[in-house]
Amino acid sequence: MADFPTYGRFFYLARAALNPPTSLCKKLFLAIGEWHDRLATKELSPGDPIQPTAAENAFVQVIMMSRKTFIQDSVPMMELHPCYPIWQHSIFSDPVYL
């Protein structure tokens, strides 16, 4: 709510009413699922570029949440800006997305 007054009303995000399928989310930031799993099981070696710290775990969680938000926000953005080249990406013609 970013510290804005609500005047007795509840905070509501229309896009949050519908969760995109996990299978669709996994098509964005493909490697993040692998890193999430490796952090969770601690299958890391000293030379890995990612280590199980609070910052690393939080970053992975932010990326995973961002892909969901990106898909949710893409629907109204596509309507507002239909000519953007990003809409040519294969994820936006995926039957699960449609």
N, C-alpha and C. Protein backbone atom coordinates (compact mmCIF):
# COMPACT_ATOMS: atom_id res chain seq x y z
N MET A 1 0.84 -1.19 0.00
CA MET A 1 0.00 0.00 0.00
C MET A 1 0.87 1.24 0.00
N ALA A 2 2.19 1.08 0.14
CA ALA A 2 3.15 2.17 0.01
C ALA A 2 2.83 3.35 0.91
N ASP A 3 2.23 3.08 2.06
CA ASP A 3 1.94 4.09 3.06
C ASP A 3 0.95 5.15 2.61
N PHE A 4 0.14 4.84 1.61
CA PHE A 4 -0.91 5.75 1.20
C PHE A 4 -2.14 5.51 2.09
N PRO A 5 -2.87 6.55 2.40
CA PRO A 5 -4.06 6.34 3.23
C PRO A 5 -5.12 5.53 2.49
N THR A 6 -5.77 4.65 3.21
CA THR A 6 -6.80 3.82 2.59
C THR A 6 -8.20 4.31 2.90
N TYR A 7 -8.34 5.18 3.89
CA TYR A 7 -9.64 5.74 4.26
C TYR A 7 -10.68 4.64 4.47
N GLY A 8 -10.27 3.58 5.18
CA GLY A 8 -11.20 2.52 5.51
C GLY A 8 -11.45 1.51 4.40
N ARG A 9 -10.81 1.68 3.25
CA ARG A 9 -11.00 0.73 2.15
C ARG A 9 -9.87 -0.29 2.16
N PHE A 10 -10.13 -1.42 1.54
CA PHE A 10 -9.11 -2.45 1.42
C PHE A 10 -8.29 -2.21 0.17
N PHE A 11 -7.07 -2.69 0.21
CA PHE A 11 -6.17 -2.59 -0.93
C PHE A 11 -6.45 -3.77 -1.87
N TYR A 12 -6.55 -3.51 -3.16
CA TYR A 12 -6.91 -4.55 -4.11
C TYR A 12 -6.12 -4.39 -5.41
N LEU A 13 -5.53 -5.46 -5.88
CA LEU A 13 -4.87 -5.50 -7.18
C LEU A 13 -5.65 -6.47 -8.05
N ALA A 14 -6.22 -5.96 -9.12
CA ALA A 14 -7.05 -6.81 -9.98
C ALA A 14 -6.24 -7.97 -10.55
N ARG A 15 -4.99 -7.72 -10.92
CA ARG A 15 -4.19 -8.78 -11.54
C ARG A 15 -3.92 -9.93 -10.58
N ALA A 16 -3.93 -9.67 -9.30
CA ALA A 16 -3.64 -10.71 -8.33
C ALA A 16 -4.80 -11.68 -8.13
N ALA A 17 -5.93 -11.38 -8.74
CA ALA A 17 -7.11 -12.25 -8.60
C ALA A 17 -6.94 -13.56 -9.37
N LEU A 18 -6.07 -13.59 -10.35
CA LEU A 18 -5.86 -14.79 -11.15
C LEU A 18 -4.39 -15.15 -11.16
N ASN A 19 -4.08 -16.36 -10.74
CA ASN A 19 -2.70 -16.83 -10.75
C ASN A 19 -2.42 -17.57 -12.04
N PRO A 20 -1.37 -17.18 -12.75
CA PRO A 20 -1.03 -17.92 -13.97
C PRO A 20 -0.57 -19.33 -13.61
N PRO A 21 -0.78 -20.29 -14.50
CA PRO A 21 -0.35 -21.66 -14.22
C PRO A 21 1.16 -21.73 -14.02
N THR A 22 1.58 -22.61 -13.15
CA THR A 22 3.00 -22.80 -12.87
C THR A 22 3.75 -23.19 -14.14
N SER A 23 3.11 -24.00 -14.99
CA SER A 23 3.78 -24.42 -16.23
C SER A 23 4.11 -23.23 -17.11
N LEU A 24 3.28 -22.20 -17.09
CA LEU A 24 3.55 -21.00 -17.87
C LEU A 24 4.65 -20.17 -17.22
N CYS A 25 4.61 -20.04 -15.92
CA CYS A 25 5.64 -19.27 -15.20
C CYS A 25 7.02 -19.87 -15.41
N LYS A 26 7.09 -21.19 -15.47
CA LYS A 26 8.37 -21.86 -15.63
C LYS A 26 9.02 -21.59 -16.98
N LYS A 27 8.28 -21.03 -17.92
CA LYS A 27 8.83 -20.71 -19.23
C LYS A 27 9.58 -19.38 -19.24
N LEU A 28 9.51 -18.64 -18.14
CA LEU A 28 10.27 -17.40 -17.98
C LEU A 28 11.38 -17.64 -16.98
N PHE A 29 12.52 -17.06 -17.21
CA PHE A 29 13.68 -17.23 -16.33
C PHE A 29 13.90 -18.72 -16.08
N LEU A 30 14.19 -19.43 -17.16
CA LEU A 30 14.25 -20.89 -17.11
C LEU A 30 15.17 -21.46 -16.04
N ALA A 31 16.31 -20.85 -15.81
CA ALA A 31 17.28 -21.41 -14.87
C ALA A 31 16.90 -21.17 -13.41
N ILE A 32 15.98 -20.27 -13.14
CA ILE A 32 15.70 -19.94 -11.75
C ILE A 32 15.09 -21.12 -10.99
N GLY A 33 14.35 -21.96 -11.65
CA GLY A 33 13.81 -23.16 -11.00
C GLY A 33 14.91 -24.10 -10.56
N GLU A 34 15.91 -24.27 -11.41
CA GLU A 34 17.05 -25.12 -11.05
C GLU A 34 17.81 -24.54 -9.86
N TRP A 35 18.04 -23.23 -9.89
CA TRP A 35 18.76 -22.61 -8.76
C TRP A 35 17.94 -22.69 -7.48
N HIS A 36 16.65 -22.53 -7.59
CA HIS A 36 15.78 -22.65 -6.42
C HIS A 36 15.89 -24.04 -5.82
N ASP A 37 15.83 -25.05 -6.66
CA ASP A 37 15.92 -26.43 -6.19
C ASP A 37 17.29 -26.72 -5.58
N ARG A 38 18.34 -26.20 -6.21
CA ARG A 38 19.69 -26.44 -5.70
C ARG A 38 19.90 -25.75 -4.35
N LEU A 39 19.35 -24.56 -4.21
CA LEU A 39 19.45 -23.87 -2.91
C LEU A 39 18.66 -24.63 -1.84
N ALA A 40 17.48 -25.11 -2.21
CA ALA A 40 16.63 -25.81 -1.25
C ALA A 40 17.27 -27.11 -0.77
N THR A 41 17.94 -27.82 -1.66
CA THR A 41 18.56 -29.09 -1.29
C THR A 41 20.03 -28.93 -0.93
N LYS A 42 20.53 -27.71 -1.05
CA LYS A 42 21.93 -27.39 -0.73
C LYS A 42 22.91 -28.24 -1.55
N GLU A 43 22.56 -28.49 -2.81
CA GLU A 43 23.44 -29.22 -3.71
C GLU A 43 24.38 -28.24 -4.41
N LEU A 44 25.21 -27.59 -3.63
CA LEU A 44 26.11 -26.59 -4.16
C LEU A 44 27.55 -26.95 -3.83
N SER A 45 28.45 -26.53 -4.69
CA SER A 45 29.87 -26.74 -4.42
C SER A 45 30.51 -25.37 -4.16
N PRO A 46 31.69 -25.33 -3.57
CA PRO A 46 32.32 -24.04 -3.27
C PRO A 46 32.52 -23.14 -4.49
N GLY A 47 32.61 -23.69 -5.68
CA GLY A 47 32.82 -22.88 -6.88
C GLY A 47 31.55 -22.35 -7.52
N ASP A 48 30.38 -22.75 -7.01
CA ASP A 48 29.12 -22.30 -7.59
C ASP A 48 28.96 -20.79 -7.47
N PRO A 49 28.38 -20.15 -8.49
CA PRO A 49 28.18 -18.70 -8.43
C PRO A 49 27.07 -18.29 -7.47
N ILE A 50 26.34 -19.23 -6.94
CA ILE A 50 25.26 -18.93 -6.00
C ILE A 50 25.49 -19.74 -4.73
N GLN A 51 25.30 -19.11 -3.60
CA GLN A 51 25.52 -19.77 -2.32
C GLN A 51 24.28 -19.58 -1.45
N PRO A 52 24.02 -20.52 -0.54
CA PRO A 52 22.80 -20.46 0.28
C PRO A 52 22.86 -19.40 1.39
N THR A 53 22.75 -18.15 1.00
CA THR A 53 22.71 -17.06 1.97
C THR A 53 21.29 -16.48 1.96
N ALA A 54 21.00 -15.65 2.93
CA ALA A 54 19.68 -15.03 2.99
C ALA A 54 19.45 -14.17 1.74
N ALA A 55 20.48 -13.46 1.30
CA ALA A 55 20.35 -12.60 0.12
C ALA A 55 20.10 -13.43 -1.14
N GLU A 56 20.82 -14.51 -1.29
CA GLU A 56 20.64 -15.37 -2.46
C GLU A 56 19.24 -15.97 -2.48
N ASN A 57 18.79 -16.46 -1.34
CA ASN A 57 17.45 -17.04 -1.26
C ASN A 57 16.37 -15.99 -1.57
N ALA A 58 16.54 -14.80 -1.02
CA ALA A 58 15.56 -13.73 -1.26
C ALA A 58 15.56 -13.33 -2.74
N PHE A 59 16.74 -13.26 -3.37
CA PHE A 59 16.82 -12.90 -4.78
C PHE A 59 16.08 -13.93 -5.64
N VAL A 60 16.29 -15.20 -5.36
CA VAL A 60 15.61 -16.26 -6.12
C VAL A 60 14.10 -16.13 -5.94
N GLN A 61 13.65 -15.85 -4.73
CA GLN A 61 12.21 -15.70 -4.48
C GLN A 61 11.65 -14.49 -5.24
N VAL A 62 12.40 -13.40 -5.30
CA VAL A 62 11.95 -12.21 -6.03
C VAL A 62 11.82 -12.52 -7.52
N ILE A 63 12.78 -13.22 -8.09
CA ILE A 63 12.72 -13.58 -9.51
C ILE A 63 11.52 -14.48 -9.77
N MET A 64 11.28 -15.43 -8.90
CA MET A 64 10.14 -16.34 -9.09
C MET A 64 8.82 -15.58 -8.98
N MET A 65 8.74 -14.63 -8.08
CA MET A 65 7.53 -13.82 -7.95
C MET A 65 7.40 -12.87 -9.15
N SER A 66 8.52 -12.36 -9.65
CA SER A 66 8.49 -11.43 -10.77
C SER A 66 7.95 -12.07 -12.04
N ARG A 67 8.28 -13.33 -12.26
CA ARG A 67 7.78 -13.96 -13.49
C ARG A 67 6.26 -14.10 -13.44
N LYS A 68 5.71 -14.38 -12.27
CA LYS A 68 4.26 -14.44 -12.13
C LYS A 68 3.64 -13.06 -12.37
N THR A 69 4.22 -12.04 -11.76
CA THR A 69 3.72 -10.67 -11.91
C THR A 69 3.85 -10.21 -13.37
N PHE A 70 4.94 -10.57 -14.02
CA PHE A 70 5.14 -10.19 -15.42
C PHE A 70 4.02 -10.75 -16.29
N ILE A 71 3.68 -12.01 -16.09
CA ILE A 71 2.61 -12.62 -16.88
C ILE A 71 1.28 -11.94 -16.57
N GLN A 72 1.00 -11.69 -15.30
CA GLN A 72 -0.25 -11.03 -14.94
C GLN A 72 -0.34 -9.63 -15.56
N ASP A 73 0.75 -8.88 -15.50
CA ASP A 73 0.74 -7.52 -16.02
C ASP A 73 0.79 -7.46 -17.54
N SER A 74 1.21 -8.54 -18.17
CA SER A 74 1.32 -8.52 -19.63
C SER A 74 -0.04 -8.39 -20.32
N VAL A 75 -1.09 -8.89 -19.69
CA VAL A 75 -2.41 -8.85 -20.32
C VAL A 75 -2.88 -7.41 -20.55
N PRO A 76 -2.93 -6.56 -19.52
CA PRO A 76 -3.35 -5.18 -19.79
C PRO A 76 -2.31 -4.40 -20.60
N MET A 77 -1.03 -4.73 -20.43
CA MET A 77 0.00 -4.02 -21.20
C MET A 77 -0.12 -4.33 -22.69
N MET A 78 -0.49 -5.56 -23.01
CA MET A 78 -0.66 -5.94 -24.41
C MET A 78 -1.81 -5.17 -25.03
N GLU A 79 -2.84 -4.95 -24.24
CA GLU A 79 -3.98 -4.17 -24.75
C GLU A 79 -3.61 -2.71 -24.95
N LEU A 80 -2.81 -2.17 -24.04
CA LEU A 80 -2.41 -0.76 -24.14
C LEU A 80 -1.38 -0.51 -25.23
N HIS A 81 -0.48 -1.46 -25.43
CA HIS A 81 0.63 -1.30 -26.38
C HIS A 81 0.76 -2.55 -27.25
N PRO A 82 -0.18 -2.78 -28.14
CA PRO A 82 -0.18 -4.02 -28.92
C PRO A 82 0.97 -4.17 -29.92
N CYS A 83 1.66 -3.10 -30.23
CA CYS A 83 2.72 -3.16 -31.24
C CYS A 83 4.11 -3.40 -30.66
N TYR A 84 4.24 -3.52 -29.36
CA TYR A 84 5.56 -3.75 -28.77
C TYR A 84 6.12 -5.08 -29.27
N PRO A 85 7.39 -5.11 -29.64
CA PRO A 85 8.01 -6.34 -30.15
C PRO A 85 8.01 -7.50 -29.16
N ILE A 86 7.97 -7.22 -27.87
CA ILE A 86 8.02 -8.30 -26.88
C ILE A 86 6.85 -9.27 -27.03
N TRP A 87 5.72 -8.79 -27.55
CA TRP A 87 4.54 -9.65 -27.67
C TRP A 87 4.73 -10.72 -28.74
N GLN A 88 5.84 -10.66 -29.49
CA GLN A 88 6.14 -11.69 -30.48
C GLN A 88 6.79 -12.91 -29.85
N HIS A 89 7.17 -12.81 -28.59
CA HIS A 89 7.80 -13.94 -27.90
C HIS A 89 6.82 -15.12 -27.86
N SER A 90 7.35 -16.31 -27.94
CA SER A 90 6.52 -17.52 -28.03
C SER A 90 5.61 -17.72 -26.82
N ILE A 91 5.98 -17.21 -25.67
CA ILE A 91 5.14 -17.41 -24.48
C ILE A 91 3.76 -16.76 -24.64
N PHE A 92 3.69 -15.69 -25.43
CA PHE A 92 2.42 -15.00 -25.59
C PHE A 92 1.50 -15.64 -26.63
N SER A 93 2.00 -16.64 -27.32
CA SER A 93 1.14 -17.42 -28.23
C SER A 93 0.93 -18.84 -27.70
N ASP A 94 1.47 -19.11 -26.53
CA ASP A 94 1.29 -20.41 -25.89
C ASP A 94 -0.19 -20.61 -25.56
N PRO A 95 -0.76 -21.78 -25.84
CA PRO A 95 -2.17 -22.02 -25.53
C PRO A 95 -2.52 -21.81 -24.05
N VAL A 96 -1.59 -22.08 -23.16
CA VAL A 96 -1.83 -21.87 -21.73
C VAL A 96 -1.98 -20.39 -21.44
N TYR A 97 -1.20 -19.55 -22.11
CA TYR A 97 -1.30 -18.10 -21.93
C TYR A 97 -2.60 -17.59 -22.51
N LEU A 98 -2.94 -18.05 -23.69
CA LEU A 98 -4.16 -17.57 -24.35
C LEU A 98 -5.39 -17.95 -23.56
